[in-house]
Amino acid sequence: MHVPQSLLNRWAIPAVGSLPPDSASSVVNAFAKLGVRVPQDVISLYGLIGGMGVGDQHDWRLWPLAEILQENAPRAQGPIAFSDYMIDCWRFYLEPVNEHVCRVLSDYDGGPMREVSESLELFLASLDTSPLQVIDPSAWVRRRVEKRGAGVSNLIGSVLRRFSRNAVVVCRCLIGLGGSAK
């Protein structure tokens, strides 16, 4: 799996609090405790960075293995939470596709799981080049509709973009005022 160097550089700044890489055996053992055979893309990611203390400049944060264990145990079957956006406004989950690849899902606004990316590698590439494609829920809806071949009119796309931007602003305001964003 390829992780863009520019993304790793963004995470390397002191304000993010990047943690040292984890060994492959540590990653395998952590996910085994959750009853999951971890795909190679996850092992590769944690072999480069062991998680983050705080979110990056786009408010996305990769969880350390200890936090993955804490937040997912005890758990029923299903995707594994591994990161969050804007201090847990919503979470991102890994769902193994095969021994090499996980797809990435999210539970934006406590709703049903939605696919954000068909692979962790594509998720990270999007996070690097166009973060809003990853963290903006209206982008997920647009991609899902476009994937089905129906397309989205400019008017509907515009409304969705405005809604999601306003939702992020409201969430940030609530957090800034000491309110709850959930």
N, C-alpha and C. Protein backbone atom coordinates (compact mmCIF):
# COMPACT_ATOMS: atom_id res chain seq x y z
N MET A 1 0.84 -1.18 0.00
CA MET A 1 0.00 0.00 0.00
C MET A 1 0.88 1.23 0.00
N HIS A 2 0.48 2.23 -0.76
CA HIS A 2 1.22 3.49 -0.83
C HIS A 2 0.52 4.55 0.02
N VAL A 3 1.28 5.17 0.91
CA VAL A 3 0.78 6.31 1.68
C VAL A 3 1.54 7.52 1.17
N PRO A 4 0.84 8.56 0.67
CA PRO A 4 1.54 9.72 0.12
C PRO A 4 2.50 10.36 1.14
N GLN A 5 3.72 10.66 0.68
CA GLN A 5 4.72 11.26 1.56
C GLN A 5 4.25 12.61 2.08
N SER A 6 3.51 13.37 1.26
CA SER A 6 3.02 14.67 1.71
C SER A 6 2.07 14.52 2.89
N LEU A 7 1.30 13.45 2.92
CA LEU A 7 0.41 13.17 4.04
C LEU A 7 1.22 12.84 5.29
N LEU A 8 2.22 12.00 5.13
CA LEU A 8 3.09 11.67 6.26
C LEU A 8 3.80 12.92 6.78
N ASN A 9 4.21 13.81 5.89
CA ASN A 9 4.86 15.06 6.31
C ASN A 9 3.90 15.93 7.11
N ARG A 10 2.63 15.99 6.69
CA ARG A 10 1.63 16.78 7.44
C ARG A 10 1.44 16.22 8.84
N TRP A 11 1.48 14.91 8.95
CA TRP A 11 1.28 14.28 10.24
C TRP A 11 2.52 14.35 11.13
N ALA A 12 3.66 14.68 10.54
CA ALA A 12 4.92 14.69 11.30
C ALA A 12 5.12 15.96 12.11
N ILE A 13 4.26 16.96 11.93
CA ILE A 13 4.45 18.21 12.67
C ILE A 13 4.16 17.97 14.16
N PRO A 14 4.87 18.65 15.04
CA PRO A 14 4.70 18.42 16.49
C PRO A 14 3.26 18.58 16.99
N ALA A 15 2.48 19.51 16.40
CA ALA A 15 1.12 19.77 16.89
C ALA A 15 0.21 18.55 16.76
N VAL A 16 0.50 17.65 15.84
CA VAL A 16 -0.33 16.47 15.62
C VAL A 16 -0.02 15.38 16.65
N GLY A 17 1.18 15.38 17.15
CA GLY A 17 1.55 14.37 18.14
C GLY A 17 1.60 12.97 17.57
N SER A 18 2.22 12.84 16.38
CA SER A 18 2.34 11.52 15.75
C SER A 18 3.11 10.56 16.65
N LEU A 19 2.63 9.34 16.69
CA LEU A 19 3.27 8.30 17.50
C LEU A 19 4.19 7.45 16.63
N PRO A 20 5.20 6.85 17.24
CA PRO A 20 6.13 6.01 16.46
C PRO A 20 5.39 4.84 15.81
N PRO A 21 5.92 4.35 14.70
CA PRO A 21 5.30 3.21 14.01
C PRO A 21 5.18 1.99 14.91
N ASP A 22 4.20 1.15 14.59
CA ASP A 22 4.00 -0.11 15.31
C ASP A 22 4.57 -1.25 14.47
N SER A 23 5.01 -2.29 15.14
CA SER A 23 5.50 -3.48 14.43
C SER A 23 4.30 -4.23 13.83
N ALA A 24 4.58 -5.00 12.80
CA ALA A 24 3.53 -5.79 12.16
C ALA A 24 2.88 -6.74 13.17
N SER A 25 3.69 -7.33 14.04
CA SER A 25 3.12 -8.27 15.02
C SER A 25 2.22 -7.55 16.02
N SER A 26 2.55 -6.31 16.39
CA SER A 26 1.69 -5.54 17.30
C SER A 26 0.32 -5.27 16.67
N VAL A 27 0.34 -4.93 15.38
CA VAL A 27 -0.92 -4.64 14.67
C VAL A 27 -1.75 -5.92 14.55
N VAL A 28 -1.10 -7.00 14.14
CA VAL A 28 -1.80 -8.28 13.99
C VAL A 28 -2.40 -8.72 15.33
N ASN A 29 -1.63 -8.61 16.40
CA ASN A 29 -2.10 -9.03 17.73
C ASN A 29 -3.25 -8.15 18.23
N ALA A 30 -3.17 -6.85 18.00
CA ALA A 30 -4.24 -5.95 18.44
C ALA A 30 -5.56 -6.29 17.75
N PHE A 31 -5.53 -6.47 16.44
CA PHE A 31 -6.76 -6.78 15.72
C PHE A 31 -7.25 -8.19 16.03
N ALA A 32 -6.32 -9.10 16.31
CA ALA A 32 -6.72 -10.46 16.69
C ALA A 32 -7.51 -10.44 17.99
N LYS A 33 -7.18 -9.53 18.90
CA LYS A 33 -7.94 -9.40 20.15
C LYS A 33 -9.39 -8.99 19.89
N LEU A 34 -9.62 -8.37 18.74
CA LEU A 34 -10.98 -7.97 18.35
C LEU A 34 -11.64 -9.02 17.46
N GLY A 35 -10.92 -10.11 17.24
CA GLY A 35 -11.47 -11.18 16.42
C GLY A 35 -11.40 -10.93 14.94
N VAL A 36 -10.45 -10.08 14.52
CA VAL A 36 -10.33 -9.71 13.11
C VAL A 36 -8.95 -10.07 12.59
N ARG A 37 -8.93 -10.68 11.43
CA ARG A 37 -7.66 -10.91 10.74
C ARG A 37 -7.36 -9.65 9.94
N VAL A 38 -6.35 -8.92 10.37
CA VAL A 38 -6.08 -7.60 9.83
C VAL A 38 -5.46 -7.68 8.42
N PRO A 39 -6.01 -6.92 7.47
CA PRO A 39 -5.45 -6.88 6.12
C PRO A 39 -4.09 -6.17 6.08
N GLN A 40 -3.35 -6.44 5.03
CA GLN A 40 -2.00 -5.90 4.87
C GLN A 40 -1.98 -4.37 4.80
N ASP A 41 -3.02 -3.74 4.25
CA ASP A 41 -2.98 -2.28 4.14
C ASP A 41 -2.97 -1.60 5.52
N VAL A 42 -3.65 -2.20 6.49
CA VAL A 42 -3.67 -1.65 7.85
C VAL A 42 -2.30 -1.85 8.51
N ILE A 43 -1.72 -3.03 8.31
CA ILE A 43 -0.38 -3.30 8.84
C ILE A 43 0.62 -2.30 8.26
N SER A 44 0.51 -2.03 6.97
CA SER A 44 1.41 -1.07 6.30
C SER A 44 1.25 0.33 6.88
N LEU A 45 0.01 0.78 7.07
CA LEU A 45 -0.23 2.12 7.61
C LEU A 45 0.38 2.26 8.99
N TYR A 46 0.08 1.33 9.87
CA TYR A 46 0.61 1.43 11.24
C TYR A 46 2.11 1.15 11.31
N GLY A 47 2.69 0.61 10.26
CA GLY A 47 4.13 0.47 10.16
C GLY A 47 4.81 1.79 9.82
N LEU A 48 4.02 2.78 9.41
CA LEU A 48 4.54 4.12 9.08
C LEU A 48 4.26 5.14 10.18
N ILE A 49 3.11 5.00 10.82
CA ILE A 49 2.70 5.93 11.89
C ILE A 49 1.83 5.15 12.88
N GLY A 50 2.12 5.31 14.16
CA GLY A 50 1.40 4.56 15.18
C GLY A 50 0.15 5.24 15.69
N GLY A 51 -0.34 6.25 14.99
CA GLY A 51 -1.52 6.99 15.41
C GLY A 51 -1.16 8.44 15.70
N MET A 52 -2.15 9.20 16.16
CA MET A 52 -1.97 10.63 16.43
C MET A 52 -2.55 10.99 17.78
N GLY A 53 -1.91 11.97 18.42
CA GLY A 53 -2.42 12.47 19.69
C GLY A 53 -3.62 13.38 19.49
N VAL A 54 -3.60 14.19 18.44
CA VAL A 54 -4.70 15.11 18.11
C VAL A 54 -4.91 15.08 16.60
N GLY A 55 -5.99 15.69 16.14
CA GLY A 55 -6.28 15.72 14.71
C GLY A 55 -5.30 16.58 13.94
N ASP A 56 -5.20 16.28 12.65
CA ASP A 56 -4.34 17.08 11.77
C ASP A 56 -5.04 18.40 11.41
N GLN A 57 -4.48 19.15 10.48
CA GLN A 57 -5.07 20.46 10.16
C GLN A 57 -6.45 20.36 9.51
N HIS A 58 -6.86 19.15 9.13
CA HIS A 58 -8.21 18.94 8.61
C HIS A 58 -9.11 18.26 9.64
N ASP A 59 -8.61 18.20 10.89
CA ASP A 59 -9.36 17.66 12.02
C ASP A 59 -9.62 16.16 11.95
N TRP A 60 -8.84 15.44 11.14
CA TRP A 60 -8.94 13.98 11.09
C TRP A 60 -7.83 13.40 11.96
N ARG A 61 -8.15 12.33 12.69
CA ARG A 61 -7.16 11.73 13.59
C ARG A 61 -7.16 10.21 13.48
N LEU A 62 -5.97 9.67 13.29
CA LEU A 62 -5.75 8.22 13.28
C LEU A 62 -5.52 7.76 14.71
N TRP A 63 -6.28 6.78 15.15
CA TRP A 63 -6.18 6.32 16.53
C TRP A 63 -4.98 5.38 16.73
N PRO A 64 -4.32 5.47 17.87
CA PRO A 64 -3.30 4.47 18.23
C PRO A 64 -3.98 3.11 18.46
N LEU A 65 -3.19 2.04 18.38
CA LEU A 65 -3.75 0.70 18.57
C LEU A 65 -4.46 0.55 19.92
N ALA A 66 -3.90 1.13 20.97
CA ALA A 66 -4.54 1.02 22.29
C ALA A 66 -5.94 1.63 22.28
N GLU A 67 -6.12 2.72 21.58
CA GLU A 67 -7.44 3.35 21.50
C GLU A 67 -8.40 2.53 20.64
N ILE A 68 -7.87 1.91 19.59
CA ILE A 68 -8.71 1.03 18.77
C ILE A 68 -9.25 -0.11 19.64
N LEU A 69 -8.38 -0.69 20.44
CA LEU A 69 -8.81 -1.77 21.34
C LEU A 69 -9.84 -1.28 22.35
N GLN A 70 -9.58 -0.13 22.94
CA GLN A 70 -10.48 0.42 23.96
C GLN A 70 -11.85 0.76 23.38
N GLU A 71 -11.88 1.37 22.21
CA GLU A 71 -13.15 1.84 21.63
C GLU A 71 -13.96 0.74 20.95
N ASN A 72 -13.31 -0.37 20.64
CA ASN A 72 -14.01 -1.45 19.93
C ASN A 72 -14.30 -2.67 20.79
N ALA A 73 -13.85 -2.68 22.03
CA ALA A 73 -14.06 -3.86 22.88
C ALA A 73 -14.97 -3.49 24.04
N PRO A 74 -15.86 -4.31 24.49
CA PRO A 74 -16.24 -5.52 23.76
C PRO A 74 -17.09 -5.13 22.56
N ARG A 75 -17.04 -5.92 21.55
CA ARG A 75 -17.78 -5.56 20.34
C ARG A 75 -18.42 -6.78 19.71
N ALA A 76 -19.49 -6.52 19.01
CA ALA A 76 -20.11 -7.56 18.20
C ALA A 76 -19.38 -7.55 16.85
N GLN A 77 -19.75 -8.42 15.99
CA GLN A 77 -19.14 -8.45 14.66
C GLN A 77 -19.42 -7.13 13.94
N GLY A 78 -18.56 -6.78 13.03
CA GLY A 78 -18.77 -5.58 12.24
C GLY A 78 -17.49 -4.81 12.05
N PRO A 79 -17.59 -3.66 11.40
CA PRO A 79 -16.42 -2.84 11.13
C PRO A 79 -15.73 -2.36 12.41
N ILE A 80 -14.44 -2.06 12.29
CA ILE A 80 -13.60 -1.62 13.41
C ILE A 80 -13.38 -0.11 13.33
N ALA A 81 -13.78 0.62 14.38
CA ALA A 81 -13.51 2.07 14.43
C ALA A 81 -12.00 2.27 14.55
N PHE A 82 -11.45 3.19 13.73
CA PHE A 82 -10.01 3.42 13.75
C PHE A 82 -9.60 4.89 13.71
N SER A 83 -10.56 5.77 13.49
CA SER A 83 -10.22 7.20 13.42
C SER A 83 -11.49 8.02 13.61
N ASP A 84 -11.30 9.33 13.78
CA ASP A 84 -12.45 10.21 13.92
C ASP A 84 -12.18 11.55 13.25
N TYR A 85 -13.25 12.30 13.13
CA TYR A 85 -13.18 13.64 12.56
C TYR A 85 -13.68 14.63 13.60
N MET A 86 -12.98 15.71 13.75
CA MET A 86 -13.33 16.84 14.61
C MET A 86 -13.75 16.39 16.02
N ILE A 87 -12.80 15.82 16.71
CA ILE A 87 -12.98 15.37 18.09
C ILE A 87 -14.24 14.51 18.22
N ASP A 88 -14.31 13.48 17.42
CA ASP A 88 -15.36 12.47 17.49
C ASP A 88 -16.74 12.95 17.05
N CYS A 89 -16.79 13.97 16.17
CA CYS A 89 -18.10 14.32 15.60
C CYS A 89 -18.66 13.11 14.84
N TRP A 90 -17.77 12.40 14.14
CA TRP A 90 -18.11 11.11 13.58
C TRP A 90 -16.85 10.30 13.42
N ARG A 91 -17.06 9.00 13.24
CA ARG A 91 -15.95 8.05 13.21
C ARG A 91 -15.82 7.39 11.84
N PHE A 92 -14.62 6.88 11.61
CA PHE A 92 -14.35 6.09 10.42
C PHE A 92 -14.02 4.67 10.85
N TYR A 93 -14.44 3.72 10.04
CA TYR A 93 -14.32 2.30 10.36
C TYR A 93 -13.63 1.54 9.24
N LEU A 94 -12.93 0.48 9.61
CA LEU A 94 -12.30 -0.42 8.65
C LEU A 94 -13.15 -1.68 8.55
N GLU A 95 -13.37 -2.13 7.33
CA GLU A 95 -14.05 -3.39 7.11
C GLU A 95 -13.22 -4.20 6.11
N PRO A 96 -12.61 -5.29 6.57
CA PRO A 96 -11.79 -6.08 5.67
C PRO A 96 -12.57 -6.57 4.45
N VAL A 97 -11.93 -6.43 3.29
CA VAL A 97 -12.50 -6.94 2.04
C VAL A 97 -11.85 -8.29 1.73
N ASN A 98 -10.53 -8.34 1.90
CA ASN A 98 -9.76 -9.57 1.73
C ASN A 98 -8.49 -9.45 2.56
N GLU A 99 -7.52 -10.31 2.36
CA GLU A 99 -6.31 -10.29 3.19
C GLU A 99 -5.41 -9.10 2.92
N HIS A 100 -5.69 -8.36 1.86
CA HIS A 100 -4.85 -7.22 1.49
C HIS A 100 -5.48 -5.86 1.75
N VAL A 101 -6.80 -5.78 1.69
CA VAL A 101 -7.49 -4.49 1.62
C VAL A 101 -8.67 -4.39 2.58
N CYS A 102 -8.84 -3.19 3.15
CA CYS A 102 -10.03 -2.82 3.92
C CYS A 102 -10.76 -1.72 3.17
N ARG A 103 -12.07 -1.71 3.26
CA ARG A 103 -12.80 -0.54 2.80
C ARG A 103 -13.05 0.34 4.01
N VAL A 104 -13.35 1.62 3.78
CA VAL A 104 -13.54 2.58 4.87
C VAL A 104 -14.99 3.03 4.88
N LEU A 105 -15.60 2.96 6.06
CA LEU A 105 -16.99 3.36 6.27
C LEU A 105 -17.05 4.47 7.30
N SER A 106 -18.20 5.12 7.42
CA SER A 106 -18.39 6.11 8.47
C SER A 106 -19.82 6.08 8.97
N ASP A 107 -19.99 6.58 10.20
CA ASP A 107 -21.31 6.66 10.83
C ASP A 107 -21.69 8.12 11.03
N TYR A 108 -21.47 8.94 10.03
CA TYR A 108 -21.73 10.37 10.14
C TYR A 108 -23.06 10.63 10.84
N ASP A 109 -23.00 11.49 11.85
CA ASP A 109 -24.18 11.94 12.59
C ASP A 109 -24.94 10.79 13.24
N GLY A 110 -24.24 9.72 13.58
CA GLY A 110 -24.89 8.59 14.24
C GLY A 110 -25.81 7.79 13.35
N GLY A 111 -25.78 8.08 12.07
CA GLY A 111 -26.65 7.37 11.13
C GLY A 111 -26.09 6.02 10.74
N PRO A 112 -26.69 5.40 9.74
CA PRO A 112 -26.21 4.09 9.30
C PRO A 112 -24.81 4.20 8.67
N MET A 113 -24.09 3.11 8.68
CA MET A 113 -22.76 3.07 8.07
C MET A 113 -22.86 3.38 6.58
N ARG A 114 -21.91 4.21 6.13
CA ARG A 114 -21.84 4.55 4.71
C ARG A 114 -20.42 4.31 4.23
N GLU A 115 -20.29 3.81 3.02
CA GLU A 115 -18.96 3.63 2.45
C GLU A 115 -18.37 4.99 2.09
N VAL A 116 -17.16 5.24 2.57
CA VAL A 116 -16.44 6.47 2.25
C VAL A 116 -15.44 6.19 1.14
N SER A 117 -14.82 5.02 1.19
CA SER A 117 -13.84 4.65 0.18
C SER A 117 -13.79 3.13 0.08
N GLU A 118 -13.55 2.66 -1.13
CA GLU A 118 -13.49 1.20 -1.34
C GLU A 118 -12.19 0.59 -0.86
N SER A 119 -11.20 1.43 -0.48
CA SER A 119 -9.97 0.90 0.10
C SER A 119 -9.33 1.95 1.01
N LEU A 120 -8.52 1.46 1.95
CA LEU A 120 -7.78 2.36 2.83
C LEU A 120 -6.80 3.20 2.04
N GLU A 121 -6.17 2.62 1.03
CA GLU A 121 -5.21 3.37 0.21
C GLU A 121 -5.89 4.53 -0.51
N LEU A 122 -7.06 4.30 -1.10
CA LEU A 122 -7.78 5.38 -1.78
C LEU A 122 -8.27 6.42 -0.77
N PHE A 123 -8.67 5.98 0.41
CA PHE A 123 -9.08 6.89 1.48
C PHE A 123 -7.93 7.84 1.81
N LEU A 124 -6.73 7.30 2.01
CA LEU A 124 -5.57 8.12 2.37
C LEU A 124 -5.16 9.03 1.22
N ALA A 125 -5.25 8.54 -0.01
CA ALA A 125 -4.92 9.38 -1.17
C ALA A 125 -5.88 10.56 -1.25
N SER A 126 -7.17 10.31 -1.01
CA SER A 126 -8.16 11.40 -1.01
C SER A 126 -7.92 12.35 0.15
N LEU A 127 -7.58 11.81 1.30
CA LEU A 127 -7.29 12.64 2.46
C LEU A 127 -6.12 13.57 2.17
N ASP A 128 -5.20 13.11 1.35
CA ASP A 128 -4.02 13.91 0.98
C ASP A 128 -4.37 14.99 -0.05
N THR A 129 -5.05 14.62 -1.13
CA THR A 129 -5.26 15.55 -2.23
C THR A 129 -6.54 16.37 -2.13
N SER A 130 -7.59 15.79 -1.56
CA SER A 130 -8.86 16.51 -1.45
C SER A 130 -9.60 16.03 -0.21
N PRO A 131 -9.17 16.53 0.97
CA PRO A 131 -9.71 16.04 2.23
C PRO A 131 -11.23 16.12 2.34
N LEU A 132 -11.84 17.12 1.73
CA LEU A 132 -13.30 17.22 1.83
C LEU A 132 -14.00 16.05 1.16
N GLN A 133 -13.35 15.40 0.20
CA GLN A 133 -13.93 14.21 -0.42
C GLN A 133 -14.04 13.07 0.59
N VAL A 134 -13.24 13.15 1.65
CA VAL A 134 -13.25 12.12 2.67
C VAL A 134 -14.12 12.53 3.86
N ILE A 135 -14.03 13.78 4.28
CA ILE A 135 -14.69 14.19 5.52
C ILE A 135 -16.02 14.91 5.31
N ASP A 136 -16.39 15.18 4.06
CA ASP A 136 -17.64 15.88 3.75
C ASP A 136 -18.72 14.85 3.39
N PRO A 137 -19.70 14.64 4.25
CA PRO A 137 -20.72 13.63 3.98
C PRO A 137 -21.48 13.82 2.67
N SER A 138 -21.64 15.04 2.20
CA SER A 138 -22.35 15.21 0.93
C SER A 138 -21.55 14.61 -0.21
N ALA A 139 -20.23 14.57 -0.08
CA ALA A 139 -19.39 13.95 -1.12
C ALA A 139 -19.66 12.45 -1.17
N TRP A 140 -19.91 11.82 -0.01
CA TRP A 140 -20.19 10.38 0.00
C TRP A 140 -21.49 10.11 -0.74
N VAL A 141 -22.49 10.96 -0.49
CA VAL A 141 -23.79 10.79 -1.14
C VAL A 141 -23.63 10.97 -2.64
N ARG A 142 -22.91 12.02 -3.05
CA ARG A 142 -22.71 12.27 -4.49
C ARG A 142 -22.00 11.09 -5.14
N ARG A 143 -20.94 10.57 -4.49
CA ARG A 143 -20.20 9.44 -5.07
C ARG A 143 -21.09 8.21 -5.18
N ARG A 144 -21.90 7.95 -4.14
CA ARG A 144 -22.76 6.76 -4.16
C ARG A 144 -23.77 6.87 -5.31
N VAL A 145 -24.36 8.04 -5.49
CA VAL A 145 -25.34 8.23 -6.57
C VAL A 145 -24.64 8.12 -7.92
N GLU A 146 -23.47 8.76 -8.06
CA GLU A 146 -22.75 8.71 -9.32
C GLU A 146 -22.27 7.29 -9.62
N LYS A 147 -21.90 6.54 -8.60
CA LYS A 147 -21.45 5.17 -8.77
C LYS A 147 -22.57 4.31 -9.36
N ARG A 148 -23.79 4.61 -8.98
CA ARG A 148 -24.93 3.86 -9.50
C ARG A 148 -25.30 4.31 -10.91
N GLY A 149 -24.62 5.34 -11.43
CA GLY A 149 -24.85 5.77 -12.79
C GLY A 149 -25.97 6.78 -12.96
N ALA A 150 -26.60 7.20 -11.88
CA ALA A 150 -27.72 8.13 -11.98
C ALA A 150 -27.24 9.57 -12.14
N GLY A 151 -26.05 9.89 -11.65
CA GLY A 151 -25.56 11.27 -11.70
C GLY A 151 -26.31 12.15 -10.72
N VAL A 152 -25.81 13.34 -10.51
CA VAL A 152 -26.43 14.30 -9.62
C VAL A 152 -26.47 15.64 -10.34
N SER A 153 -27.63 16.28 -10.34
CA SER A 153 -27.73 17.57 -11.01
C SER A 153 -26.89 18.61 -10.26
N ASN A 154 -26.53 19.67 -10.96
CA ASN A 154 -25.75 20.75 -10.33
C ASN A 154 -26.50 21.36 -9.15
N LEU A 155 -27.82 21.49 -9.27
CA LEU A 155 -28.61 22.07 -8.20
C LEU A 155 -28.56 21.20 -6.95
N ILE A 156 -28.77 19.89 -7.08
CA ILE A 156 -28.75 19.00 -5.92
C ILE A 156 -27.36 18.97 -5.32
N GLY A 157 -26.33 18.89 -6.17
CA GLY A 157 -24.95 18.89 -5.67
C GLY A 157 -24.64 20.16 -4.90
N SER A 158 -25.13 21.30 -5.39
CA SER A 158 -24.90 22.57 -4.71
C SER A 158 -25.58 22.60 -3.34
N VAL A 159 -26.82 22.11 -3.28
CA VAL A 159 -27.54 22.08 -2.01
C VAL A 159 -26.81 21.17 -1.02
N LEU A 160 -26.38 20.01 -1.46
CA LEU A 160 -25.66 19.09 -0.58
C LEU A 160 -24.37 19.71 -0.06
N ARG A 161 -23.62 20.38 -0.94
CA ARG A 161 -22.37 21.02 -0.51
C ARG A 161 -22.64 22.12 0.51
N ARG A 162 -23.66 22.94 0.27
CA ARG A 162 -23.98 24.00 1.22
C ARG A 162 -24.42 23.42 2.56
N PHE A 163 -25.24 22.37 2.53
CA PHE A 163 -25.70 21.75 3.75
C PHE A 163 -24.52 21.24 4.57
N SER A 164 -23.61 20.51 3.93
CA SER A 164 -22.52 19.91 4.69
C SER A 164 -21.58 20.98 5.23
N ARG A 165 -21.30 22.05 4.46
CA ARG A 165 -20.45 23.12 4.97
C ARG A 165 -21.09 23.79 6.17
N ASN A 166 -22.39 24.04 6.08
CA ASN A 166 -23.10 24.67 7.20
C ASN A 166 -23.11 23.75 8.42
N ALA A 167 -23.27 22.46 8.20
CA ALA A 167 -23.27 21.51 9.32
C ALA A 167 -21.92 21.51 10.02
N VAL A 168 -20.83 21.59 9.27
CA VAL A 168 -19.50 21.63 9.87
C VAL A 168 -19.33 22.93 10.66
N VAL A 169 -19.80 24.05 10.10
CA VAL A 169 -19.69 25.33 10.80
C VAL A 169 -20.50 25.29 12.10
N VAL A 170 -21.71 24.76 12.05
CA VAL A 170 -22.55 24.65 13.24
C VAL A 170 -21.86 23.77 14.28
N CYS A 171 -21.30 22.64 13.84
CA CYS A 171 -20.61 21.72 14.75
C CYS A 171 -19.44 22.44 15.42
N ARG A 172 -18.65 23.17 14.65
CA ARG A 172 -17.51 23.89 15.21
C ARG A 172 -17.98 24.97 16.18
N CYS A 173 -19.08 25.64 15.85
CA CYS A 173 -19.60 26.68 16.75
C CYS A 173 -20.06 26.07 18.07
N LEU A 174 -20.77 24.94 17.98
CA LEU A 174 -21.25 24.31 19.20
C LEU A 174 -20.09 23.88 20.10
N ILE A 175 -19.06 23.34 19.48
CA ILE A 175 -17.89 22.93 20.26
C ILE A 175 -17.24 24.16 20.87
N GLY A 176 -17.13 25.25 20.10
CA GLY A 176 -16.51 26.48 20.59
C GLY A 176 -17.31 27.11 21.72
N LEU A 177 -18.62 26.91 21.74
CA LEU A 177 -19.47 27.48 22.78
C LEU A 177 -19.63 26.56 23.97
N GLY A 178 -18.97 25.40 23.89
CA GLY A 178 -19.06 24.45 25.00
C GLY A 178 -20.25 23.52 24.91
N GLY A 179 -20.98 23.58 23.78
CA GLY A 179 -22.12 22.69 23.61
C GLY A 179 -21.67 21.35 23.09
N SER A 180 -22.59 20.49 22.87
CA SER A 180 -22.30 19.16 22.36
C SER A 180 -22.53 19.12 20.87
N ALA A 181 -21.65 18.46 20.14
CA ALA A 181 -21.81 18.36 18.70
C ALA A 181 -22.55 17.10 18.31
N LYS A 182 -22.96 16.29 19.26
CA LYS A 182 -23.64 15.04 18.93
C LYS A 182 -25.13 15.18 19.10
